[in-house]
Protein backbone atom coordinates (compact mmCIF):
# COMPACT_ATOMS: atom_id res chain seq x y z
CA UNK A 1 -17.80 22.20 20.49
CA UNK A 2 -16.11 22.64 17.17
CA UNK A 3 -15.88 19.43 15.05
CA UNK A 4 -17.76 17.41 17.61
CA UNK A 5 -20.18 15.95 14.93
CA UNK A 6 -17.14 15.17 12.70
CA UNK A 7 -15.33 13.37 15.55
CA UNK A 8 -18.41 11.22 16.27
CA UNK A 9 -18.77 10.45 12.54
CA UNK A 10 -15.24 9.27 12.02
CA UNK A 11 -14.92 7.51 15.38
CA UNK A 12 -17.92 5.47 14.68
CA UNK A 13 -16.85 4.83 11.03
CA UNK A 14 -13.49 3.67 12.34
CA UNK A 15 -14.91 1.33 14.90
CA UNK A 16 -17.53 -0.13 12.47
CA UNK A 17 -14.75 -0.82 9.88
CA UNK A 18 -11.85 -2.00 12.18
CA UNK A 19 -13.75 -3.32 15.31
CA UNK A 20 -12.36 -0.50 17.58
CA UNK A 21 -11.86 3.22 17.13
CA UNK A 22 -8.33 4.61 17.33
CA UNK A 23 -7.60 8.25 17.98
CA UNK A 24 -4.64 8.25 15.61
CA UNK A 25 -6.88 6.98 12.86
CA UNK A 26 -9.70 9.57 13.48
CA UNK A 27 -7.55 12.69 13.92
CA UNK A 28 -6.08 12.88 10.28
CA UNK A 29 -9.65 12.92 8.94
CA UNK A 30 -10.42 16.02 10.81
CA UNK A 31 -7.89 18.15 8.82
CA UNK A 32 -10.27 17.73 5.85
CA UNK A 33 -12.84 19.82 7.95
CA UNK A 34 -10.51 22.65 8.82
CA UNK A 35 -8.56 21.54 11.82
CA UNK A 36 -5.38 23.42 12.22
CA UNK A 37 -2.35 21.59 13.53
CA UNK A 38 -1.93 24.18 16.35
CA UNK A 39 -5.38 23.31 17.57
CA UNK A 40 -4.74 19.55 17.99
CA UNK A 41 -4.00 19.93 21.71
CA UNK A 42 -7.31 21.67 22.22
CA UNK A 43 -9.45 19.02 20.75
CA UNK A 44 -7.63 15.86 21.91
CA UNK A 45 -9.40 15.44 25.32
CA UNK A 46 -12.83 15.61 23.54
CA UNK A 47 -11.71 13.25 20.72
CA UNK A 48 -10.35 10.76 23.26
CA UNK A 49 -13.64 10.91 25.23
CA UNK A 50 -15.69 10.33 22.07
CA UNK A 51 -13.46 7.36 21.04
CA UNK A 52 -13.74 5.77 24.45
CA UNK A 53 -17.61 6.11 24.25
CA UNK A 54 -17.65 4.54 20.73
CA UNK A 55 -15.56 1.63 21.92
CA UNK A 56 -18.02 0.85 24.68
CA UNK A 57 -20.91 0.42 22.08
CA UNK A 58 -22.12 -2.83 20.66
CA UNK A 59 -21.80 -3.30 16.95
CA UNK A 60 -25.47 -2.70 16.30
CA UNK A 61 -25.40 0.41 18.50
CA UNK A 62 -22.46 1.88 16.46
CA UNK A 63 -24.35 1.31 13.17
CA UNK A 64 -27.47 2.86 14.39
CA UNK A 65 -25.55 5.88 15.89
CA UNK A 66 -23.55 6.16 12.69
CA UNK A 67 -26.85 6.84 10.80
CA UNK A 68 -27.10 10.12 12.66
CA UNK A 69 -23.60 11.33 11.78
CA UNK A 70 -22.70 9.71 8.46
CA UNK A 71 -23.47 13.02 6.61
CA UNK A 72 -20.46 14.69 8.29
CA UNK A 73 -18.09 12.18 6.64
CA UNK A 74 -16.38 13.44 3.59
CA UNK A 75 -16.39 10.46 1.34
CA UNK A 76 -13.97 10.02 -1.38
CA UNK A 77 -15.87 10.55 -4.67
CA UNK A 78 -15.01 8.00 -7.27
CA UNK A 79 -15.05 9.71 -10.63
CA UNK A 80 -14.33 7.88 -13.92
CA UNK A 81 -11.15 9.52 -15.14
CA UNK A 82 -8.59 9.08 -17.99
CA UNK A 83 -4.89 9.87 -17.65
CA UNK A 84 -4.36 13.42 -19.02
CA UNK A 85 -2.54 13.85 -22.32
CA UNK A 86 1.14 14.99 -22.15
CA UNK A 87 3.27 16.60 -24.69
CA UNK A 88 5.51 14.06 -26.36
CA UNK A 89 6.57 16.27 -29.27
CA UNK A 90 10.23 15.85 -30.13
CA UNK A 91 10.16 12.14 -29.09
CA UNK A 92 10.63 9.48 -31.80
CA UNK A 93 9.03 6.94 -29.57
CA UNK A 94 8.00 6.77 -25.85
CA UNK A 95 10.20 4.55 -23.83
CA UNK A 96 9.65 4.64 -19.98
CA UNK A 97 11.18 2.65 -17.16
CA UNK A 98 10.09 1.21 -13.86
CA UNK A 99 13.01 1.50 -11.56
CA UNK A 100 12.65 0.03 -8.03
CA UNK A 101 15.38 -0.65 -5.51
CA UNK A 102 14.94 -4.20 -4.45
CA UNK A 103 15.38 -3.49 -0.69
CA UNK A 104 11.81 -4.00 0.50
CA UNK A 105 8.31 -4.90 -0.64
CA UNK A 106 6.59 -2.38 -2.86
CA UNK A 107 3.71 -0.32 -1.42
CA UNK A 108 0.81 1.62 -2.82
CA UNK A 109 2.99 4.68 -3.51
CA UNK A 110 5.44 2.60 -5.53
CA UNK A 111 2.66 1.08 -7.46
CA UNK A 112 1.24 4.38 -8.62
CA UNK A 113 4.74 5.60 -9.91
CA UNK A 114 5.14 2.18 -11.67
CA UNK A 115 1.76 2.35 -13.22
CA UNK A 116 2.07 5.96 -14.37
CA UNK A 117 5.17 5.00 -16.32
CA UNK A 118 3.61 1.87 -17.66
CA UNK A 119 0.27 3.53 -18.58
CA UNK A 120 1.84 6.30 -20.47
CA UNK A 121 3.99 3.83 -22.36
CA UNK A 122 0.84 2.02 -23.42
CA UNK A 123 -1.10 5.21 -24.04
CA UNK A 124 1.42 6.31 -26.61
CA UNK A 125 2.18 2.76 -28.08
CA UNK A 126 5.68 2.91 -26.58
CA UNK A 127 7.85 0.61 -24.47
CA UNK A 128 8.33 0.08 -20.67
CA UNK A 129 11.26 -1.63 -19.04
CA UNK A 130 11.73 -2.94 -15.55
CA UNK A 131 14.96 -1.90 -14.00
CA UNK A 132 16.33 -3.20 -10.68
CA UNK A 133 18.55 -0.52 -9.13
CA UNK A 134 20.51 -2.91 -6.97
CA UNK A 135 23.69 -0.99 -6.15
CA UNK A 136 23.58 -1.15 -2.47
CA UNK A 137 24.70 -4.60 -1.42
CA UNK A 138 23.79 -3.93 2.18
CA UNK A 139 20.02 -3.48 1.38
CA UNK A 140 19.21 -5.37 -1.75
CA UNK A 141 18.44 -9.12 -1.95
CA UNK A 142 16.92 -11.72 -4.14
CA UNK A 143 13.93 -12.04 -1.86
CA UNK A 144 12.95 -8.45 -2.77
CA UNK A 145 13.66 -8.95 -6.51
CA UNK A 146 11.33 -11.96 -6.46
CA UNK A 147 8.72 -10.12 -4.47
CA UNK A 148 8.92 -7.22 -6.88
CA UNK A 149 8.42 -9.47 -9.82
CA UNK A 150 5.53 -11.11 -8.14
CA UNK A 151 3.78 -7.92 -7.13
CA UNK A 152 4.50 -5.86 -10.25
CA UNK A 153 4.33 -8.31 -13.05
CA UNK A 154 1.77 -10.73 -11.72
CA UNK A 155 -0.49 -8.78 -9.25
CA UNK A 156 -0.52 -5.50 -11.18
CA UNK A 157 -0.29 -7.32 -14.56
CA UNK A 158 2.38 -5.05 -15.97
CA UNK A 159 3.79 -6.39 -19.16
CA UNK A 160 7.29 -4.95 -19.57
CA UNK A 161 9.36 -5.07 -22.62
CA UNK A 162 12.50 -6.28 -20.70
CA UNK A 163 14.10 -6.57 -17.30
CA UNK A 164 17.46 -5.26 -16.53
CA UNK A 165 19.74 -5.27 -13.32
CA UNK A 166 22.13 -2.18 -12.89
CA UNK A 167 24.62 -4.39 -11.04
CA UNK A 168 25.24 -6.33 -14.35
CA UNK A 169 26.55 -3.04 -15.82
CA UNK A 170 29.20 -2.33 -13.20
CA UNK A 171 32.15 -2.48 -15.65
CA UNK A 172 30.39 0.05 -17.89
CA UNK A 173 29.83 2.38 -15.03
CA UNK A 174 33.40 2.03 -13.92
CA UNK A 175 34.48 3.09 -17.42
CA UNK A 176 32.27 6.11 -17.29
CA UNK A 177 33.87 7.01 -13.88
CA UNK A 178 37.33 6.67 -15.33
CA UNK A 179 36.28 8.90 -18.21
CA UNK A 180 35.25 11.63 -15.77
CA UNK A 181 38.43 11.32 -13.77
CA UNK A 182 40.39 11.49 -17.06
CA UNK A 183 38.54 14.73 -18.00
CA UNK A 184 39.58 16.07 -14.57
CA UNK A 185 35.93 16.37 -13.68
CA UNK A 186 35.91 13.85 -10.77
CA UNK A 187 38.37 13.28 -7.95
CA UNK A 188 39.12 10.85 -5.08
CA UNK A 189 38.23 12.35 -1.71
CA UNK A 190 39.56 10.99 1.58
CA UNK A 191 37.84 13.43 4.00
CA UNK A 192 35.71 11.90 6.72
CA UNK A 193 31.95 12.21 6.44
CA UNK A 194 31.54 14.98 8.87
CA UNK A 195 34.37 17.16 7.39
CA UNK A 196 32.89 16.66 3.95
CA UNK A 197 29.35 17.56 5.05
CA UNK A 198 30.74 20.72 7.00
CA UNK A 199 32.64 22.09 3.88
CA UNK A 200 29.67 21.36 1.54
CA UNK A 201 27.50 23.41 3.88
CA UNK A 202 30.06 26.35 3.98
CA UNK A 203 30.57 26.04 0.17
CA UNK A 204 34.18 25.29 0.52
CA UNK A 205 36.40 22.84 -1.51
CA UNK A 206 38.53 20.36 0.39
CA UNK A 207 42.24 19.84 -0.34
CA UNK A 208 41.50 16.57 -2.17
CA UNK A 209 39.83 18.57 -5.02
CA UNK A 210 43.34 19.79 -6.04
CA UNK A 211 44.91 16.35 -6.47
CA UNK A 212 46.19 15.67 -10.02
CA UNK A 213 44.50 13.64 -12.72
CA UNK A 214 47.14 10.96 -12.50
CA UNK A 215 46.87 10.75 -8.75
CA UNK A 216 43.13 10.35 -8.98
CA UNK A 217 43.39 7.68 -11.62
CA UNK A 218 45.86 5.78 -9.50
CA UNK A 219 43.65 6.12 -6.38
CA UNK A 220 40.65 5.09 -8.28
CA UNK A 221 42.27 1.86 -9.37
CA UNK A 222 43.23 1.15 -5.70
CA UNK A 223 39.74 2.04 -4.69
CA UNK A 224 38.06 -0.36 -7.17
CA UNK A 225 40.61 -3.08 -6.23
CA UNK A 226 39.20 -2.87 -2.61
CA UNK A 227 42.26 -1.19 -0.98
CA UNK A 228 39.96 1.19 1.07
CA UNK A 229 37.33 0.20 3.54
CA UNK A 230 33.97 1.70 3.91
CA UNK A 231 34.11 5.52 4.65
CA UNK A 232 37.90 5.80 3.89
CA UNK A 233 37.45 7.14 0.47
CA UNK A 234 34.82 8.22 -2.07
CA UNK A 235 34.80 9.44 -5.71
CA UNK A 236 33.29 12.99 -6.09
CA UNK A 237 32.26 15.00 -9.13
CA UNK A 238 33.65 18.48 -9.54
CA UNK A 239 30.57 20.59 -9.35
CA UNK A 240 30.06 24.09 -8.08
CA UNK A 241 30.82 24.61 -4.36
CA UNK A 242 29.05 28.01 -4.44
CA UNK A 243 25.84 26.69 -6.04
CA UNK A 244 22.64 27.38 -4.13
CA UNK A 245 21.70 23.91 -5.03
CA UNK A 246 23.67 21.82 -2.49
CA UNK A 247 23.38 18.67 -4.78
CA UNK A 248 25.90 20.45 -7.08
CA UNK A 249 28.51 20.90 -4.31
CA UNK A 250 30.74 18.02 -5.37
CA UNK A 251 28.31 15.16 -4.71
CA UNK A 252 29.61 11.64 -4.15
CA UNK A 253 29.40 9.35 -7.14
CA UNK A 254 30.97 6.13 -5.71
CA UNK A 255 31.43 4.71 -2.17
CA UNK A 256 33.08 1.60 -0.87
CA UNK A 257 30.69 -1.15 0.32
CA UNK A 258 32.76 -4.30 0.68
CA UNK A 259 29.78 -6.57 1.25
CA UNK A 260 28.75 -9.65 -0.63
CA UNK A 261 26.10 -8.84 -3.28
CA UNK A 262 23.17 -11.16 -3.75
CA UNK A 263 23.73 -11.20 -7.55
CA UNK A 264 27.42 -10.30 -8.13
CA UNK A 265 28.97 -11.98 -5.03
CA UNK A 266 32.34 -10.51 -3.99
CA UNK A 267 33.14 -9.28 -7.43
CA UNK A 268 32.74 -5.56 -6.64
CA UNK A 269 33.79 -3.53 -3.58
CA UNK A 270 32.85 -0.07 -4.96
CA UNK A 271 29.28 0.85 -5.88
CA UNK A 272 27.68 3.86 -7.62
CA UNK A 273 25.30 6.39 -6.24
CA UNK A 274 21.77 7.06 -7.66
CA UNK A 275 22.83 10.43 -9.30
CA UNK A 276 25.55 8.77 -11.18
CA UNK A 277 24.07 5.41 -12.52
CA UNK A 278 20.65 6.91 -13.17
CA UNK A 279 21.46 9.27 -16.10
CA UNK A 280 23.79 6.68 -17.63
CA UNK A 281 21.36 3.88 -17.41
CA UNK A 282 18.47 5.87 -18.77
CA UNK A 283 20.63 6.83 -21.85
CA UNK A 284 21.91 3.16 -22.28
CA UNK A 285 18.25 1.76 -22.25
CA UNK A 286 17.02 4.29 -24.71
CA UNK A 287 14.63 5.81 -22.18
CA UNK A 288 12.96 8.92 -23.69
CA UNK A 289 10.23 9.78 -21.05
CA UNK A 290 10.59 9.85 -17.25
CA UNK A 291 7.62 10.36 -14.96
CA UNK A 292 8.61 10.85 -11.31
CA UNK A 293 7.75 12.64 -8.13
CA UNK A 294 9.07 16.21 -7.64
CA UNK A 295 11.21 15.03 -4.57
CA UNK A 296 13.81 14.54 -7.24
CA UNK A 297 13.72 18.07 -8.44
CA UNK A 298 16.98 19.26 -7.08
CA UNK A 299 18.75 16.26 -8.60
CA UNK A 300 17.94 17.06 -12.20
CA UNK A 301 20.63 19.70 -12.54
CA UNK A 302 23.41 17.29 -11.38
CA UNK A 303 22.11 14.49 -13.58
CA UNK A 304 21.87 16.80 -16.59
CA UNK A 305 25.48 17.84 -15.89
CA UNK A 306 26.70 14.22 -15.96
CA UNK A 307 24.85 13.67 -19.16
CA UNK A 308 26.44 16.73 -20.74
CA UNK A 309 30.00 15.61 -19.61
CA UNK A 310 29.57 12.08 -20.91
CA UNK A 311 27.75 13.04 -24.07
CA UNK A 312 24.65 11.17 -23.10
CA UNK A 313 21.14 11.84 -24.51
CA UNK A 314 18.57 13.57 -22.31
CA UNK A 315 15.01 12.50 -21.51
CA UNK A 316 11.75 14.45 -21.24
CA UNK A 317 11.07 14.51 -17.53
CA UNK A 318 7.43 15.11 -16.16
CA UNK A 319 7.16 15.51 -12.46
CA UNK A 320 4.20 15.22 -10.13
CA UNK A 321 3.55 15.66 -6.50
CA UNK A 322 4.78 12.99 -4.12
CA UNK A 323 2.39 10.49 -2.73
CA UNK A 324 1.97 10.57 1.11
CA UNK A 325 0.37 7.53 2.53
CA UNK A 326 -1.28 8.37 5.74
CA UNK A 327 -2.22 6.05 8.62
CA UNK A 328 0.21 3.42 7.58
CA UNK A 329 3.99 3.03 7.93
CA UNK A 330 5.88 2.59 4.60
CA UNK A 331 9.44 2.60 6.00
CA UNK A 332 11.10 -0.60 5.13
CA UNK A 333 13.28 -0.61 8.24
CA UNK A 334 10.32 -0.01 10.47
CA UNK A 335 8.27 -2.78 8.82
CA UNK A 336 11.22 -5.21 8.83
CA UNK A 337 11.68 -4.72 12.67
CA UNK A 338 7.86 -5.26 13.24
CA UNK A 339 7.81 -8.42 11.15
CA UNK A 340 10.98 -9.80 12.85
CA UNK A 341 9.50 -9.07 16.34
CA UNK A 342 6.29 -10.89 15.45
CA UNK A 343 4.18 -7.88 15.86
CA UNK A 344 3.20 -8.07 12.32
CA UNK A 345 2.41 -11.43 10.62
CA UNK A 346 4.55 -10.52 7.50
CA UNK A 347 4.89 -8.01 4.85
CA UNK A 348 1.35 -8.88 3.87
CA UNK A 349 -0.12 -7.94 7.26
CA UNK A 350 -3.47 -6.11 6.89
CA UNK A 351 -2.04 -3.15 8.90
CA UNK A 352 0.33 -2.51 5.97
CA UNK A 353 -0.16 -0.81 2.63
CA UNK A 354 2.26 -3.01 0.81
CA UNK A 355 1.03 -4.50 -2.49
CA UNK A 356 1.30 -7.90 -0.87
CA UNK A 357 -0.96 -6.86 2.01
CA UNK A 358 -3.42 -5.20 -0.43
CA UNK A 359 -3.57 -8.29 -2.51
CA UNK A 360 -4.14 -10.69 0.24
CA UNK A 361 -6.91 -8.45 1.80
CA UNK A 362 -8.78 -8.46 -1.55
CA UNK A 363 -7.85 -5.18 -3.22
CA UNK A 364 -8.10 -5.84 -7.06
CA UNK A 365 -5.59 -4.63 -9.42
CA UNK A 366 -8.30 -2.81 -11.26
CA UNK A 367 -8.78 -0.77 -8.08
CA UNK A 368 -5.10 0.26 -8.10
CA UNK A 369 -5.38 1.13 -11.83
CA UNK A 370 -8.37 3.28 -10.94
CA UNK A 371 -6.51 4.98 -8.13
CA UNK A 372 -3.75 5.96 -10.55
CA UNK A 373 -6.27 7.53 -12.90
CA UNK A 374 -7.74 9.43 -9.83
CA UNK A 375 -4.52 10.95 -8.74
CA UNK A 376 -3.08 11.47 -12.25
CA UNK A 377 -0.26 13.91 -12.51
CA UNK A 378 -1.07 16.42 -9.76
CA UNK A 379 1.73 18.89 -9.04
CA UNK A 380 0.64 18.89 -5.53
CA UNK A 381 1.23 16.25 -2.83
CA UNK A 382 -1.46 13.69 -2.82
CA UNK A 383 -2.48 12.15 0.56
CA UNK A 384 -3.49 8.63 0.14
CA UNK A 385 -5.57 6.61 2.65
CA UNK A 386 -7.19 3.36 2.65
CA UNK A 387 -10.65 4.85 2.31
CA UNK A 388 -9.67 6.16 -1.08
CA UNK A 389 -8.59 2.73 -2.20
CA UNK A 390 -11.57 1.03 -0.57
CA UNK A 391 -14.13 3.32 -2.32
CA UNK A 392 -12.73 2.42 -5.76
CA UNK A 393 -12.50 -1.29 -4.95
CA UNK A 394 -15.94 -1.41 -3.55
CA UNK A 395 -17.37 0.00 -6.75
CA UNK A 396 -15.64 -2.82 -8.60
CA UNK A 397 -16.23 -5.83 -6.37
CA UNK A 398 -19.74 -5.04 -5.39
CA UNK A 399 -20.95 -5.91 -8.74
CA UNK A 400 -19.59 -9.49 -8.53
CA UNK A 401 -19.05 -10.45 -4.98
CA UNK A 402 -21.31 -13.26 -3.77
CA UNK A 403 -23.39 -12.73 -0.68
CA UNK A 404 -23.37 -14.99 2.40
CA UNK A 405 -24.23 -14.80 6.12
CA UNK A 406 -21.82 -14.68 8.98
CA UNK A 407 -22.77 -14.71 12.68
CA UNK A 408 -20.06 -13.61 15.12
CA UNK A 409 -20.14 -15.05 18.58
CA UNK A 410 -23.09 -17.15 17.79
CA UNK A 411 -25.84 -18.27 20.33
CA UNK A 412 -28.68 -20.76 19.51
CA UNK A 413 -32.29 -19.62 19.71
CA UNK A 414 -35.40 -21.46 20.65
CA UNK A 415 -38.06 -20.06 18.34
CA UNK A 416 -41.64 -20.78 19.62
CA UNK A 417 -44.58 -21.09 17.23
CA UNK A 418 -42.20 -20.98 14.17
CA UNK A 419 -43.54 -21.89 10.76
CA UNK A 420 -42.73 -25.21 9.36
CA UNK A 421 -39.89 -24.04 7.02
CA UNK A 422 -37.12 -26.55 6.45
CA UNK A 423 -35.13 -24.86 3.62
CA UNK A 424 -34.81 -21.47 1.85
CA UNK A 425 -33.42 -20.70 -1.49
CA UNK A 426 -31.52 -17.46 -1.81
CA UNK A 427 -29.73 -15.63 -4.60
CA UNK A 428 -26.02 -15.47 -4.25
CA UNK A 429 -26.18 -11.96 -5.65
CA UNK A 430 -28.99 -9.69 -6.46
CA UNK A 431 -27.95 -9.55 -10.09
CA UNK A 432 -27.18 -13.37 -10.60
CA UNK A 433 -29.50 -16.13 -11.30
CA UNK A 434 -27.30 -18.51 -9.19
CA UNK A 435 -28.82 -19.62 -5.87
CA UNK A 436 -27.82 -21.36 -2.73
CA UNK A 437 -30.02 -23.50 -0.42
CA UNK A 438 -29.99 -23.04 3.34
CA UNK A 439 -31.53 -25.58 5.61
CA UNK A 440 -33.64 -24.02 8.53
CA UNK A 441 -33.09 -25.98 11.72
CA UNK A 442 -31.49 -24.74 14.89
CA UNK A 443 -31.07 -20.96 14.35
CA UNK A 444 -28.07 -19.20 15.43
CA UNK A 445 -27.59 -15.40 15.65
CA UNK A 446 -24.85 -13.19 17.13
CA UNK A 447 -24.86 -12.62 20.88
CA UNK A 448 -24.33 -8.91 20.17
CA UNK A 449 -27.52 -8.72 18.04
CA UNK A 450 -29.39 -10.51 20.74
CA UNK A 451 -28.27 -8.22 23.49
CA UNK A 452 -28.87 -5.13 21.32
CA UNK A 453 -32.39 -6.10 20.19
CA UNK A 454 -33.59 -8.08 23.28
CA UNK A 455 -37.34 -7.49 23.82
CA UNK A 456 -37.75 -6.26 20.26
CA UNK A 457 -38.99 -7.58 17.05
CA UNK A 458 -36.32 -8.31 14.40
CA UNK A 459 -36.28 -9.90 10.97
CA UNK A 460 -34.00 -12.88 10.23
CA UNK A 461 -32.79 -11.86 6.73
CA UNK A 462 -34.71 -13.47 3.88
CA UNK A 463 -36.63 -15.67 6.34
CA UNK A 464 -39.20 -14.38 8.87
CA UNK A 465 -39.69 -12.02 11.91
CA UNK A 466 -39.27 -13.04 15.51
CA UNK A 467 -39.58 -11.38 18.90
CA UNK A 468 -36.48 -11.70 21.03
CA UNK A 469 -37.27 -12.69 24.59
CA UNK A 470 -35.07 -13.85 27.46
CA UNK A 471 -32.04 -15.83 26.23
CA UNK A 472 -32.32 -18.15 24.47
CA UNK A 473 -36.03 -17.77 23.80
CA UNK A 474 -37.72 -16.03 20.79
CA UNK A 475 -41.33 -16.09 19.34
CA UNK A 476 -42.24 -16.02 15.69
CA UNK A 477 -44.31 -13.03 14.73
CA UNK A 478 -44.89 -12.91 11.06
CA UNK A 479 -43.43 -13.67 7.65
CA UNK A 480 -44.25 -10.17 6.45
CA UNK A 481 -41.14 -8.16 5.65
CA UNK A 482 -41.72 -5.38 8.14
CA UNK A 483 -39.72 -2.28 8.91
CA UNK A 484 -37.66 -3.69 11.70
CA UNK A 485 -33.96 -4.33 12.25
CA UNK A 486 -32.65 -7.10 10.02
CA UNK A 487 -29.92 -9.57 11.21
CA UNK A 488 -27.95 -12.44 9.84
CA UNK A 489 -28.61 -16.01 10.92
CA UNK A 490 -27.28 -19.48 10.16
CA UNK A 491 -28.53 -23.06 10.81
CA UNK A 492 -26.45 -25.44 8.76
CA UNK A 493 -22.94 -23.84 9.14
CA UNK A 494 -19.26 -23.94 8.72
CA UNK A 495 -16.65 -22.55 11.14
CA UNK A 496 -15.31 -19.19 10.15
CA UNK A 497 -12.63 -16.87 11.43
CA UNK A 498 -11.86 -13.43 9.94
CA UNK A 499 -8.57 -11.63 10.19
CA UNK A 500 -9.33 -8.00 10.86
CA UNK A 501 -7.32 -4.82 10.01
CA UNK A 502 -6.35 -4.34 13.60
CA UNK A 503 -4.40 -7.77 13.63
CA UNK A 504 -7.04 -9.66 15.50
CA UNK A 505 -9.29 -12.58 14.62
CA UNK A 506 -13.00 -12.76 15.05
CA UNK A 507 -14.81 -16.06 15.12
CA UNK A 508 -18.26 -17.38 14.33
CA UNK A 509 -20.43 -19.39 12.03
CA UNK A 510 -20.87 -18.90 8.21
CA UNK A 511 -23.65 -20.32 6.18
CA UNK A 512 -23.18 -23.69 4.49
CA UNK A 513 -22.92 -21.98 1.09
CA UNK A 514 -19.36 -21.06 1.80
CA UNK A 515 -18.36 -24.70 1.05
CA UNK A 516 -18.63 -23.93 -2.71
CA UNK A 517 -15.90 -21.23 -2.47
CA UNK A 518 -12.35 -21.63 -3.80
CA UNK A 519 -9.41 -20.04 -1.87
CA UNK A 520 -8.82 -16.43 -3.11
CA UNK A 521 -12.53 -15.73 -3.80
CA UNK A 522 -13.86 -12.30 -2.74
CA UNK A 523 -17.35 -12.39 -1.11
CA UNK A 524 -19.60 -10.14 0.94
CA UNK A 525 -20.92 -11.10 4.34
CA UNK A 526 -24.21 -9.22 4.54
CA UNK A 527 -24.24 -6.43 7.16
CA UNK A 528 -20.55 -7.20 7.88
CA UNK A 529 -18.31 -6.38 4.92
CA UNK A 530 -16.28 -7.81 2.05
CA UNK A 531 -13.83 -10.57 2.79
CA UNK A 532 -11.44 -12.77 0.83
CA UNK A 533 -11.05 -16.46 1.54
CA UNK A 534 -7.44 -16.95 2.54
CA UNK A 535 -7.33 -20.64 3.36
CA UNK A 536 -9.26 -23.73 4.61
CA UNK A 537 -7.64 -25.39 7.44
CA UNK A 538 -8.56 -28.65 9.18
CA UNK A 539 -8.57 -28.27 12.98
CA UNK A 540 -9.85 -30.65 15.46
CA UNK A 541 -11.50 -32.83 12.83
CA UNK A 542 -13.33 -29.87 11.34
CA UNK A 543 -12.58 -27.49 8.60
CA UNK A 544 -12.20 -23.79 9.48
CA UNK A 545 -12.69 -21.18 6.77
CA UNK A 546 -10.21 -18.30 7.25
CA UNK A 547 -11.14 -14.92 5.65
CA UNK A 548 -9.21 -11.67 5.56
CA UNK A 549 -11.43 -8.64 5.90
CA UNK A 550 -11.24 -6.40 2.86
CA UNK A 551 -13.39 -3.40 3.71
CA UNK A 552 -16.93 -2.43 4.34
């Protein structure tokens, strides 16, 4: 069967990393191996069958089986790169801006855009400003402003040269609107939304376009004073109704949104559209270089027209392919609904790709900077998935994450003829001199490991070998480090729970060395994966160490 090996490889990998394989997570990986969209229906029965088989396997069985198929996985190669040079000739200085709308929490796609503008400003000894595009009072809020500052300035470590809110410039934007009306280049329109869209599609002007300059100025004043409700009136630019670029067909510049604004209160009833405030603010702030995705390509013509009409300076614009985040929802409305319903624990849920979620999982800011250097300024769409982020992060944290043991679903063993070993001293990291001491008393291993290797000889990591007999019995065999399966164990332990990317907790025992950790530390549980200590909670007179799973 075509792609059978790849299906097994990615299904096993998905299950090992997330506790359970999901068809929707495996399918996108197959496109990297030549799967055509028209053939999805043909392979789905086989893929579903393989996923079901993988989900029936024990953890150890999955890991063993994956060894057969891992060669079919196309791993993301992490290559050290530098941001490519760009032509800045003609610019007296490089001034960029980071311009989020504070209507949701930033995700990885936003971060790449932010960092491209920031990194190029640094590369050419320029300046970078943070500008909050807060002109839609129905969506923006102080919550998202605060979150953006925390994620962008603190987590990503971006040092901006100033912070600005577009809503603070409303009077200036109103003046520019009046100027356009006075030039007879903008007019008040009272057509309903459907009629306006229909005429734009046909390339036909509405009757409102013929209103006099005086009439438009009078109506504009009434508009700004709140005399019209939402949808009753808009301000439109006089563009070219025959243009092949529909953005040029008399786009809307201002609309009425009589809603209380988080920052300006009830002061303003009429708010500008992106294509109006953007060219004005770029000029007012002295921005000289704009790096943005090519989804804005059609808007350049209109924004340049506004700059020409108002005598504003133009910027050098460099466009790159948009970033498509696969396997994760990035739509603010969808996330908000999932959070409010309780399906997600918050905007930092591990099933999200928000910066808040990445930070809490243990993705370092260095990994996100590395991701930016990987994707660069590609003109083509870049498909981002968590594997790409994880591969970069792994390279960074593996060199510093301390090692500990974790035993899921622990069971106690009775080890016959065991040597008289009361304590072992282990390095916390292969490259560090620091050690931790583990008492050797009652030995616990995971039930899954016992069931997987029952009747076989295994090695307790860094201790000795035993033969697993009938539960709960085992027999000491040798201290020699033989080529047999190696498993974690604990004796003196702390209670641990780990929040997994599928939203579920797994529970078990962690070795006593975890007591030395501080909240926020990233560690590696051997044979399990990297985790970040999220909190220590006292429950039923004992302390539970709660970790969030980072990645394998």
